[in-house]
Amino acid sequence: MAYVVTDACTKDFVCVAECATAAIAPTAADAAAGTVSQVYINPDECIDCGNCASICPSGAIFSADELPADKAEFAEKNQAYFN
């Protein structure tokens, strides 16, 4: 089960550097970085290592298994970013 970034994301890109598979986008260098309010995790590339969640200073990243009910929509939003 992949990890999910929620709206608490401050877009500091710390998690991007910690991702073992480069499943988090956009990066700070991407042109898209200025057009989105948060980063997103590609559930097809996430290996469920938890590196991103452990380093996130804003507590915005959850395992999909532990995603709070009021944040459930962010699982779809993360997937949609990559479609």
PDB file of N, CA and C in Angstrom:
ATOM      1  N   MET A   1       0.855  -1.183   0.000  1.00  0.00           N
ATOM      2  CA  MET A   1       0.000   0.000   0.000  1.00  0.00           C
ATOM      3  C   MET A   1       0.892   1.234   0.000  1.00  0.00           C
ATOM      4  N   ALA A   2       0.616   2.147  -0.859  1.00  0.00           N
ATOM      5  CA  ALA A   2       1.424   3.351  -1.034  1.00  0.00           C
ATOM      6  C   ALA A   2       1.159   4.384   0.050  1.00  0.00           C
ATOM      7  N   TYR A   3       2.020   5.354   0.097  1.00  0.00           N
ATOM      8  CA  TYR A   3       1.836   6.505   0.972  1.00  0.00           C
ATOM      9  C   TYR A   3       1.096   7.589   0.204  1.00  0.00           C
ATOM     10  N   VAL A   4       0.482   8.511   0.949  1.00  0.00           N
ATOM     11  CA  VAL A   4      -0.360   9.554   0.367  1.00  0.00           C
ATOM     12  C   VAL A   4       0.011  10.895   0.992  1.00  0.00           C
ATOM     13  N   VAL A   5       0.180  11.919   0.163  1.00  0.00           N
ATOM     14  CA  VAL A   5       0.419  13.278   0.655  1.00  0.00           C
ATOM     15  C   VAL A   5      -0.925  13.989   0.746  1.00  0.00           C
ATOM     16  N   THR A   6      -1.145  14.675   1.857  1.00  0.00           N
ATOM     17  CA  THR A   6      -2.403  15.389   2.079  1.00  0.00           C
ATOM     18  C   THR A   6      -2.190  16.900   2.010  1.00  0.00           C
ATOM     19  N   ASP A   7      -3.255  17.644   2.247  1.00  0.00           N
ATOM     20  CA  ASP A   7      -3.216  19.100   2.138  1.00  0.00           C
ATOM     21  C   ASP A   7      -2.406  19.803   3.222  1.00  0.00           C
ATOM     22  N   ALA A   8      -1.885  19.079   4.180  1.00  0.00           N
ATOM     23  CA  ALA A   8      -1.004  19.686   5.182  1.00  0.00           C
ATOM     24  C   ALA A   8       0.405  19.907   4.623  1.00  0.00           C
ATOM     25  N   CYS A   9       0.640  19.455   3.406  1.00  0.00           N
ATOM     26  CA  CYS A   9       1.947  19.575   2.755  1.00  0.00           C
ATOM     27  C   CYS A   9       2.346  21.046   2.632  1.00  0.00           C
ATOM     28  N   THR A  10       3.560  21.345   3.042  1.00  0.00           N
ATOM     29  CA  THR A  10       4.096  22.705   2.918  1.00  0.00           C
ATOM     30  C   THR A  10       4.991  22.849   1.697  1.00  0.00           C
ATOM     31  N   LYS A  11       5.079  21.810   0.910  1.00  0.00           N
ATOM     32  CA  LYS A  11       5.856  21.802  -0.336  1.00  0.00           C
ATOM     33  C   LYS A  11       7.299  22.255  -0.106  1.00  0.00           C
ATOM     34  N   ASP A  12       7.926  21.683   0.918  1.00  0.00           N
ATOM     35  CA  ASP A  12       9.324  22.003   1.212  1.00  0.00           C
ATOM     36  C   ASP A  12      10.292  21.060   0.495  1.00  0.00           C
ATOM     37  N   PHE A  13       9.765  20.030  -0.138  1.00  0.00           N
ATOM     38  CA  PHE A  13      10.510  19.075  -0.967  1.00  0.00           C
ATOM     39  C   PHE A  13      11.494  18.197  -0.188  1.00  0.00           C
ATOM     40  N   VAL A  14      11.430  18.201   1.133  1.00  0.00           N
ATOM     41  CA  VAL A  14      12.299  17.350   1.947  1.00  0.00           C
ATOM     42  C   VAL A  14      12.025  15.886   1.634  1.00  0.00           C
ATOM     43  N   CYS A  15      10.759  15.536   1.484  1.00  0.00           N
ATOM     44  CA  CYS A  15      10.387  14.146   1.217  1.00  0.00           C
ATOM     45  C   CYS A  15      10.884  13.667  -0.143  1.00  0.00           C
ATOM     46  N   VAL A  16      10.958  14.569  -1.091  1.00  0.00           N
ATOM     47  CA  VAL A  16      11.412  14.205  -2.434  1.00  0.00           C
ATOM     48  C   VAL A  16      12.822  13.633  -2.372  1.00  0.00           C
ATOM     49  N   ALA A  17      13.674  14.268  -1.591  1.00  0.00           N
ATOM     50  CA  ALA A  17      15.058  13.812  -1.461  1.00  0.00           C
ATOM     51  C   ALA A  17      15.166  12.473  -0.740  1.00  0.00           C
ATOM     52  N   GLU A  18      14.212  12.173   0.126  1.00  0.00           N
ATOM     53  CA  GLU A  18      14.243  10.938   0.908  1.00  0.00           C
ATOM     54  C   GLU A  18      13.603   9.751   0.204  1.00  0.00           C
ATOM     55  N   CYS A  19      12.874   9.995  -0.869  1.00  0.00           N
ATOM     56  CA  CYS A  19      12.162   8.913  -1.557  1.00  0.00           C
ATOM     57  C   CYS A  19      13.146   7.959  -2.231  1.00  0.00           C
ATOM     58  N   ALA A  20      13.024   6.686  -1.900  1.00  0.00           N
ATOM     59  CA  ALA A  20      13.929   5.657  -2.427  1.00  0.00           C
ATOM     60  C   ALA A  20      13.704   5.361  -3.905  1.00  0.00           C
ATOM     61  N   THR A  21      12.532   5.711  -4.432  1.00  0.00           N
ATOM     62  CA  THR A  21      12.220   5.352  -5.824  1.00  0.00           C
ATOM     63  C   THR A  21      11.861   6.543  -6.707  1.00  0.00           C
ATOM     64  N   ALA A  22      12.043   7.746  -6.238  1.00  0.00           N
ATOM     65  CA  ALA A  22      11.676   8.955  -6.999  1.00  0.00           C
ATOM     66  C   ALA A  22      10.192   8.943  -7.360  1.00  0.00           C
ATOM     67  N   ALA A  23       9.359   8.465  -6.424  1.00  0.00           N
ATOM     68  CA  ALA A  23       7.922   8.385  -6.660  1.00  0.00           C
ATOM     69  C   ALA A  23       7.192   9.674  -6.320  1.00  0.00           C
ATOM     70  N   ILE A  24       7.898  10.663  -5.778  1.00  0.00           N
ATOM     71  CA  ILE A  24       7.267  11.908  -5.358  1.00  0.00           C
ATOM     72  C   ILE A  24       7.553  13.003  -6.373  1.00  0.00           C
ATOM     73  N   ALA A  25       6.506  13.716  -6.752  1.00  0.00           N
ATOM     74  CA  ALA A  25       6.639  14.783  -7.748  1.00  0.00           C
ATOM     75  C   ALA A  25       5.677  15.912  -7.393  1.00  0.00           C
ATOM     76  N   PRO A  26       5.900  17.077  -7.876  1.00  0.00           N
ATOM     77  CA  PRO A  26       7.073  17.471  -8.646  1.00  0.00           C
ATOM     78  C   PRO A  26       8.273  17.688  -7.738  1.00  0.00           C
ATOM     79  N   THR A  27       9.446  17.762  -8.331  1.00  0.00           N
ATOM     80  CA  THR A  27      10.637  18.132  -7.583  1.00  0.00           C
ATOM     81  C   THR A  27      10.725  19.653  -7.596  1.00  0.00           C
ATOM     82  N   ALA A  28      11.581  20.196  -6.780  1.00  0.00           N
ATOM     83  CA  ALA A  28      11.746  21.654  -6.719  1.00  0.00           C
ATOM     84  C   ALA A  28      12.199  22.211  -8.060  1.00  0.00           C
ATOM     85  N   ALA A  29      12.917  21.426  -8.833  1.00  0.00           N
ATOM     86  CA  ALA A  29      13.442  21.876 -10.126  1.00  0.00           C
ATOM     87  C   ALA A  29      12.419  21.794 -11.258  1.00  0.00           C
ATOM     88  N   ASP A  30      11.330  21.073 -11.051  1.00  0.00           N
ATOM     89  CA  ASP A  30      10.307  20.926 -12.089  1.00  0.00           C
ATOM     90  C   ASP A  30       9.525  22.220 -12.279  1.00  0.00           C
ATOM     91  N   ALA A  31       9.219  22.535 -13.505  1.00  0.00           N
ATOM     92  CA  ALA A  31       8.402  23.712 -13.794  1.00  0.00           C
ATOM     93  C   ALA A  31       7.037  23.626 -13.115  1.00  0.00           C
ATOM     94  N   ALA A  32       6.531  22.438 -12.953  1.00  0.00           N
ATOM     95  CA  ALA A  32       5.218  22.231 -12.330  1.00  0.00           C
ATOM     96  C   ALA A  32       5.211  22.580 -10.844  1.00  0.00           C
ATOM     97  N   ALA A  33       6.362  22.693 -10.232  1.00  0.00           N
ATOM     98  CA  ALA A  33       6.438  22.954  -8.796  1.00  0.00           C
ATOM     99  C   ALA A  33       5.734  24.256  -8.415  1.00  0.00           C
ATOM    100  N   GLY A  34       5.770  25.221  -9.270  1.00  0.00           N
ATOM    101  CA  GLY A  34       5.128  26.493  -8.979  1.00  0.00           C
ATOM    102  C   GLY A  34       3.640  26.524  -9.247  1.00  0.00           C
ATOM    103  N   THR A  35       3.118  25.466  -9.834  1.00  0.00           N
ATOM    104  CA  THR A  35       1.704  25.451 -10.226  1.00  0.00           C
ATOM    105  C   THR A  35       0.825  24.582  -9.342  1.00  0.00           C
ATOM    106  N   VAL A  36       1.434  23.877  -8.391  1.00  0.00           N
ATOM    107  CA  VAL A  36       0.669  22.997  -7.507  1.00  0.00           C
ATOM    108  C   VAL A  36       0.841  23.430  -6.056  1.00  0.00           C
ATOM    109  N   SER A  37      -0.108  23.058  -5.226  1.00  0.00           N
ATOM    110  CA  SER A  37      -0.067  23.456  -3.824  1.00  0.00           C
ATOM    111  C   SER A  37       0.635  22.440  -2.926  1.00  0.00           C
ATOM    112  N   GLN A  38       0.953  21.273  -3.471  1.00  0.00           N
ATOM    113  CA  GLN A  38       1.605  20.222  -2.694  1.00  0.00           C
ATOM    114  C   GLN A  38       2.361  19.294  -3.625  1.00  0.00           C
ATOM    115  N   VAL A  39       3.107  18.357  -3.040  1.00  0.00           N
ATOM    116  CA  VAL A  39       3.717  17.298  -3.833  1.00  0.00           C
ATOM    117  C   VAL A  39       2.789  16.085  -3.786  1.00  0.00           C
ATOM    118  N   TYR A  40       3.043  15.125  -4.648  1.00  0.00           N
ATOM    119  CA  TYR A  40       2.190  13.949  -4.768  1.00  0.00           C
ATOM    120  C   TYR A  40       3.054  12.697  -4.845  1.00  0.00           C
ATOM    121  N   ILE A  41       2.511  11.587  -4.383  1.00  0.00           N
ATOM    122  CA  ILE A  41       3.216  10.310  -4.443  1.00  0.00           C
ATOM    123  C   ILE A  41       2.530   9.418  -5.466  1.00  0.00           C
ATOM    124  N   ASN A  42       3.321   8.889  -6.384  1.00  0.00           N
ATOM    125  CA  ASN A  42       2.810   7.972  -7.393  1.00  0.00           C
ATOM    126  C   ASN A  42       2.618   6.604  -6.740  1.00  0.00           C
ATOM    127  N   PRO A  43       1.383   6.163  -6.556  1.00  0.00           N
ATOM    128  CA  PRO A  43       1.154   4.884  -5.878  1.00  0.00           C
ATOM    129  C   PRO A  43       1.684   3.684  -6.643  1.00  0.00           C
ATOM    130  N   ASP A  44       1.906   3.831  -7.942  1.00  0.00           N
ATOM    131  CA  ASP A  44       2.440   2.726  -8.735  1.00  0.00           C
ATOM    132  C   ASP A  44       3.951   2.583  -8.567  1.00  0.00           C
ATOM    133  N   GLU A  45       4.608   3.631  -8.083  1.00  0.00           N
ATOM    134  CA  GLU A  45       6.061   3.598  -7.897  1.00  0.00           C
ATOM    135  C   GLU A  45       6.480   3.540  -6.433  1.00  0.00           C
ATOM    136  N   CYS A  46       5.577   3.876  -5.538  1.00  0.00           N
ATOM    137  CA  CYS A  46       5.872   3.863  -4.100  1.00  0.00           C
ATOM    138  C   CYS A  46       6.113   2.430  -3.630  1.00  0.00           C
ATOM    139  N   ILE A  47       7.202   2.235  -2.896  1.00  0.00           N
ATOM    140  CA  ILE A  47       7.516   0.896  -2.388  1.00  0.00           C
ATOM    141  C   ILE A  47       7.169   0.752  -0.903  1.00  0.00           C
ATOM    142  N   ASP A  48       6.452   1.721  -0.365  1.00  0.00           N
ATOM    143  CA  ASP A  48       5.953   1.656   1.009  1.00  0.00           C
ATOM    144  C   ASP A  48       7.075   1.589   2.039  1.00  0.00           C
ATOM    145  N   CYS A  49       8.172   2.318   1.787  1.00  0.00           N
ATOM    146  CA  CYS A  49       9.310   2.281   2.715  1.00  0.00           C
ATOM    147  C   CYS A  49       9.102   3.209   3.910  1.00  0.00           C
ATOM    148  N   GLY A  50       8.297   4.259   3.737  1.00  0.00           N
ATOM    149  CA  GLY A  50       8.018   5.173   4.836  1.00  0.00           C
ATOM    150  C   GLY A  50       9.036   6.273   5.045  1.00  0.00           C
ATOM    151  N   ASN A  51      10.059   6.327   4.214  1.00  0.00           N
ATOM    152  CA  ASN A  51      11.071   7.373   4.364  1.00  0.00           C
ATOM    153  C   ASN A  51      10.452   8.765   4.324  1.00  0.00           C
ATOM    154  N   CYS A  52       9.535   8.966   3.424  1.00  0.00           N
ATOM    155  CA  CYS A  52       8.916  10.283   3.250  1.00  0.00           C
ATOM    156  C   CYS A  52       8.115  10.688   4.483  1.00  0.00           C
ATOM    157  N   ALA A  53       7.338   9.780   5.012  1.00  0.00           N
ATOM    158  CA  ALA A  53       6.498  10.085   6.176  1.00  0.00           C
ATOM    159  C   ALA A  53       7.343  10.385   7.402  1.00  0.00           C
ATOM    160  N   SER A  54       8.441   9.672   7.547  1.00  0.00           N
ATOM    161  CA  SER A  54       9.272   9.865   8.740  1.00  0.00           C
ATOM    162  C   SER A  54      10.004  11.200   8.724  1.00  0.00           C
ATOM    163  N   ILE A  55      10.232  11.769   7.559  1.00  0.00           N
ATOM    164  CA  ILE A  55      10.978  13.016   7.434  1.00  0.00           C
ATOM    165  C   ILE A  55      10.073  14.242   7.285  1.00  0.00           C
ATOM    166  N   CYS A  56       8.798  14.039   7.006  1.00  0.00           N
ATOM    167  CA  CYS A  56       7.877  15.153   6.729  1.00  0.00           C
ATOM    168  C   CYS A  56       7.662  16.010   7.981  1.00  0.00           C
ATOM    169  N   PRO A  57       8.095  17.283   7.938  1.00  0.00           N
ATOM    170  CA  PRO A  57       7.968  18.132   9.122  1.00  0.00           C
ATOM    171  C   PRO A  57       6.524  18.570   9.420  1.00  0.00           C
ATOM    172  N   SER A  58       5.657  18.488   8.429  1.00  0.00           N
ATOM    173  CA  SER A  58       4.278  18.938   8.630  1.00  0.00           C
ATOM    174  C   SER A  58       3.302  17.793   8.900  1.00  0.00           C
ATOM    175  N   GLY A  59       3.795  16.556   8.895  1.00  0.00           N
ATOM    176  CA  GLY A  59       2.926  15.405   9.150  1.00  0.00           C
ATOM    177  C   GLY A  59       1.868  15.219   8.088  1.00  0.00           C
ATOM    178  N   ALA A  60       2.211  15.543   6.846  1.00  0.00           N
ATOM    179  CA  ALA A  60       1.253  15.510   5.745  1.00  0.00           C
ATOM    180  C   ALA A  60       1.177  14.175   5.025  1.00  0.00           C
ATOM    181  N   ILE A  61       2.047  13.246   5.368  1.00  0.00           N
ATOM    182  CA  ILE A  61       2.124  11.987   4.620  1.00  0.00           C
ATOM    183  C   ILE A  61       1.682  10.829   5.497  1.00  0.00           C
ATOM    184  N   PHE A  62       0.772  10.029   4.942  1.00  0.00           N
ATOM    185  CA  PHE A  62       0.212   8.884   5.657  1.00  0.00           C
ATOM    186  C   PHE A  62       0.294   7.649   4.775  1.00  0.00           C
ATOM    187  N   SER A  63       0.425   6.499   5.417  1.00  0.00           N
ATOM    188  CA  SER A  63       0.239   5.246   4.698  1.00  0.00           C
ATOM    189  C   SER A  63      -1.230   5.214   4.286  1.00  0.00           C
ATOM    190  N   ALA A  64      -1.519   4.708   3.116  1.00  0.00           N
ATOM    191  CA  ALA A  64      -2.910   4.644   2.658  1.00  0.00           C
ATOM    192  C   ALA A  64      -3.771   3.866   3.643  1.00  0.00           C
ATOM    193  N   ASP A  65      -3.181   2.905   4.329  1.00  0.00           N
ATOM    194  CA  ASP A  65      -3.898   2.121   5.340  1.00  0.00           C
ATOM    195  C   ASP A  65      -4.307   2.961   6.541  1.00  0.00           C
ATOM    196  N   GLU A  66      -3.553   4.014   6.805  1.00  0.00           N
ATOM    197  CA  GLU A  66      -3.778   4.843   7.993  1.00  0.00           C
ATOM    198  C   GLU A  66      -4.262   6.251   7.653  1.00  0.00           C
ATOM    199  N   LEU A  67      -4.681   6.448   6.433  1.00  0.00           N
ATOM    200  CA  LEU A  67      -5.155   7.751   5.989  1.00  0.00           C
ATOM    201  C   LEU A  67      -6.438   8.113   6.741  1.00  0.00           C
ATOM    202  N   PRO A  68      -6.453   9.265   7.435  1.00  0.00           N
ATOM    203  CA  PRO A  68      -7.676   9.650   8.163  1.00  0.00           C
ATOM    204  C   PRO A  68      -8.868   9.767   7.211  1.00  0.00           C
ATOM    205  N   ALA A  69     -10.029   9.436   7.690  1.00  0.00           N
ATOM    206  CA  ALA A  69     -11.234   9.452   6.853  1.00  0.00           C
ATOM    207  C   ALA A  69     -11.468  10.810   6.212  1.00  0.00           C
ATOM    208  N   ASP A  70     -11.151  11.888   6.930  1.00  0.00           N
ATOM    209  CA  ASP A  70     -11.376  13.220   6.362  1.00  0.00           C
ATOM    210  C   ASP A  70     -10.325  13.614   5.326  1.00  0.00           C
ATOM    211  N   LYS A  71      -9.347  12.743   5.104  1.00  0.00           N
ATOM    212  CA  LYS A  71      -8.298  12.984   4.093  1.00  0.00           C
ATOM    213  C   LYS A  71      -8.350  11.941   2.972  1.00  0.00           C
ATOM    214  N   ALA A  72      -9.362  11.116   2.959  1.00  0.00           N
ATOM    215  CA  ALA A  72      -9.459  10.010   1.994  1.00  0.00           C
ATOM    216  C   ALA A  72      -9.378  10.486   0.545  1.00  0.00           C
ATOM    217  N   GLU A  73      -9.887  11.654   0.253  1.00  0.00           N
ATOM    218  CA  GLU A  73      -9.865  12.180  -1.118  1.00  0.00           C
ATOM    219  C   GLU A  73      -8.454  12.352  -1.669  1.00  0.00           C
ATOM    220  N   PHE A  74      -7.464  12.451  -0.779  1.00  0.00           N
ATOM    221  CA  PHE A  74      -6.101  12.687  -1.233  1.00  0.00           C
ATOM    222  C   PHE A  74      -5.457  11.449  -1.855  1.00  0.00           C
ATOM    223  N   ALA A  75      -5.966  10.278  -1.583  1.00  0.00           N
ATOM    224  CA  ALA A  75      -5.473   9.084  -2.267  1.00  0.00           C
ATOM    225  C   ALA A  75      -5.758   9.211  -3.761  1.00  0.00           C
ATOM    226  N   GLU A  76      -6.959   9.648  -4.089  1.00  0.00           N
ATOM    227  CA  GLU A  76      -7.327   9.866  -5.495  1.00  0.00           C
ATOM    228  C   GLU A  76      -6.551  11.021  -6.106  1.00  0.00           C
ATOM    229  N   LYS A  77      -6.378  12.090  -5.343  1.00  0.00           N
ATOM    230  CA  LYS A  77      -5.656  13.259  -5.861  1.00  0.00           C
ATOM    231  C   LYS A  77      -4.207  12.922  -6.171  1.00  0.00           C
ATOM    232  N   ASN A  78      -3.581  12.097  -5.336  1.00  0.00           N
ATOM    233  CA  ASN A  78      -2.210  11.693  -5.603  1.00  0.00           C
ATOM    234  C   ASN A  78      -2.148  10.872  -6.883  1.00  0.00           C
ATOM    235  N   GLN A  79      -3.054   9.912  -7.025  1.00  0.00           N
ATOM    236  CA  GLN A  79      -3.097   9.077  -8.244  1.00  0.00           C
ATOM    237  C   GLN A  79      -3.375   9.932  -9.468  1.00  0.00           C
ATOM    238  N   ALA A  80      -4.308  10.842  -9.366  1.00  0.00           N
ATOM    239  CA  ALA A  80      -4.714  11.680 -10.509  1.00  0.00           C
ATOM    240  C   ALA A  80      -3.573  12.540 -11.028  1.00  0.00           C
ATOM    241  N   TYR A  81      -2.688  12.961 -10.160  1.00  0.00           N
ATOM    242  CA  TYR A  81      -1.554  13.795 -10.602  1.00  0.00           C
ATOM    243  C   TYR A  81      -0.712  13.071 -11.634  1.00  0.00           C
ATOM    244  N   PHE A  82      -0.632  11.755 -11.543  1.00  0.00           N
ATOM    245  CA  PHE A  82       0.218  10.967 -12.426  1.00  0.00           C
ATOM    246  C   PHE A  82      -0.516  10.387 -13.634  1.00  0.00           C
ATOM    247  N   ASN A  83      -1.806  10.612 -13.729  1.00  0.00           N
ATOM    248  CA  ASN A  83      -2.583  10.094 -14.868  1.00  0.00           C
ATOM    249  C   ASN A  83      -2.614  11.076 -16.002  1.00  0.00           C
TER     250      ASN A  83
END
